[in-house]
Amino acid sequence: MANIIISKKQYQELLDKALRYEYLRSIMEENIFSPPPTKNIEKIIKAFERTGIYSKEFIKSLKRGLKRSSYFKNENSSSSSRN
C-alpha cells in the first residue's frame, strides 16, 4: 500500500464528509417513512413554537400545509366534530 500525504485541512474535510455520510446512512436505516407520532395539528404546531427557532411565517405556513394534507385531515376533522 502506498502512502499518500494530504494537508491537515484536506484530512479534516474528508473526515467531515465521512462522518456526514455515516450519519445519513444511519438515519436511512431507520424507517423514515413511518407515520408521525400524532395527527393533531395543534400539538404539532405547539411543539414547533416551543422550540423558539421557527419564525411566525414558517409556523403559519406549516399550519396551512398540515391543514391541506389528507393525512392530517381525517384526525383533525374527527376531533373537531367531537367538540
Protein backbone atom coordinates (compact mmCIF):
# COMPACT_ATOMS: atom_id res chain seq x y z
CA MET A 1 0.00 0.00 0.00
CA ALA A 2 1.37 3.39 -0.94
CA ASN A 3 1.31 6.32 1.44
CA ILE A 4 -0.48 9.48 0.43
CA ILE A 5 0.28 12.78 2.07
CA ILE A 6 -2.51 15.33 2.37
CA SER A 7 -2.80 18.57 4.28
CA LYS A 8 -4.50 18.74 7.66
CA LYS A 9 -7.27 20.83 6.08
CA GLN A 10 -7.90 18.20 3.39
CA TYR A 11 -7.91 15.49 6.05
CA GLN A 12 -10.48 17.41 8.12
CA GLU A 13 -12.68 17.88 5.04
CA LEU A 14 -12.52 14.17 4.20
CA LEU A 15 -13.22 13.23 7.81
CA ASP A 16 -16.16 15.63 7.94
CA LYS A 17 -17.63 14.14 4.75
CA ALA A 18 -17.15 10.61 6.05
CA LEU A 19 -18.91 11.44 9.32
CA ARG A 20 -21.78 13.11 7.49
CA TYR A 21 -22.13 10.08 5.22
CA GLU A 22 -22.16 7.75 8.22
CA TYR A 23 -24.80 9.89 9.94
CA LEU A 24 -27.06 9.89 6.87
CA ARG A 25 -26.56 6.15 6.40
CA SER A 26 -27.61 5.51 9.99
CA ILE A 27 -30.73 7.64 9.53
CA MET A 28 -31.64 5.82 6.34
CA GLU A 29 -31.52 2.50 8.18
CA GLU A 30 -34.43 3.69 10.29
CA ASN A 31 -37.93 3.67 8.91
CA ILE A 32 -38.05 7.22 7.56
CA PHE A 33 -41.50 6.64 6.12
CA SER A 34 -43.13 5.81 9.42
CA PRO A 35 -46.12 7.99 10.27
CA PRO A 36 -45.69 10.90 12.67
CA PRO A 37 -46.46 10.11 16.32
CA THR A 38 -49.52 12.38 16.25
CA LYS A 39 -52.03 13.59 13.70
CA ASN A 40 -53.13 16.51 15.84
CA ILE A 41 -52.17 19.70 14.01
CA GLU A 42 -52.37 21.86 17.14
CA LYS A 43 -49.97 19.58 19.05
CA ILE A 44 -47.52 19.70 16.15
CA ILE A 45 -47.72 23.49 15.87
CA LYS A 46 -47.27 23.93 19.64
CA ALA A 47 -44.18 21.69 19.56
CA PHE A 48 -42.63 23.78 16.79
CA GLU A 49 -43.48 27.02 18.61
CA ARG A 50 -41.93 25.76 21.86
CA THR A 51 -38.55 25.36 20.18
CA GLY A 52 -38.38 29.10 19.59
CA ILE A 53 -36.31 28.65 16.43
CA TYR A 54 -39.03 28.99 13.80
CA SER A 55 -40.40 32.28 12.52
CA LYS A 56 -44.09 33.12 12.76
CA GLU A 57 -44.27 32.99 8.96
CA PHE A 58 -42.88 29.46 8.96
CA ILE A 59 -45.32 28.33 11.67
CA LYS A 60 -48.21 29.87 9.73
CA SER A 61 -47.07 28.14 6.53
CA LEU A 62 -46.62 24.82 8.35
CA LYS A 63 -50.12 25.03 9.81
CA ARG A 64 -51.60 25.84 6.40
CA GLY A 65 -49.72 22.90 4.83
CA LEU A 66 -50.81 20.47 7.54
CA LYS A 67 -54.43 21.56 7.12
CA ARG A 68 -54.17 20.84 3.39
CA SER A 69 -52.70 17.39 4.00
CA SER A 70 -55.12 14.49 3.54
CA TYR A 71 -53.17 12.55 6.18
CA PHE A 72 -53.95 15.10 8.88
CA LYS A 73 -57.48 15.97 7.75
CA ASN A 74 -59.02 12.74 9.00
CA GLU A 75 -57.75 13.13 12.57
CA ASN A 76 -58.42 16.85 12.90
CA SER A 77 -61.86 16.84 11.32
CA SER A 78 -62.98 13.99 13.57
CA SER A 79 -61.59 15.66 16.69
CA SER A 80 -63.21 18.99 15.82
CA SER A 81 -66.55 17.27 15.13
CA ARG A 82 -66.42 15.78 18.65
CA ASN A 83 -66.25 19.25 20.23
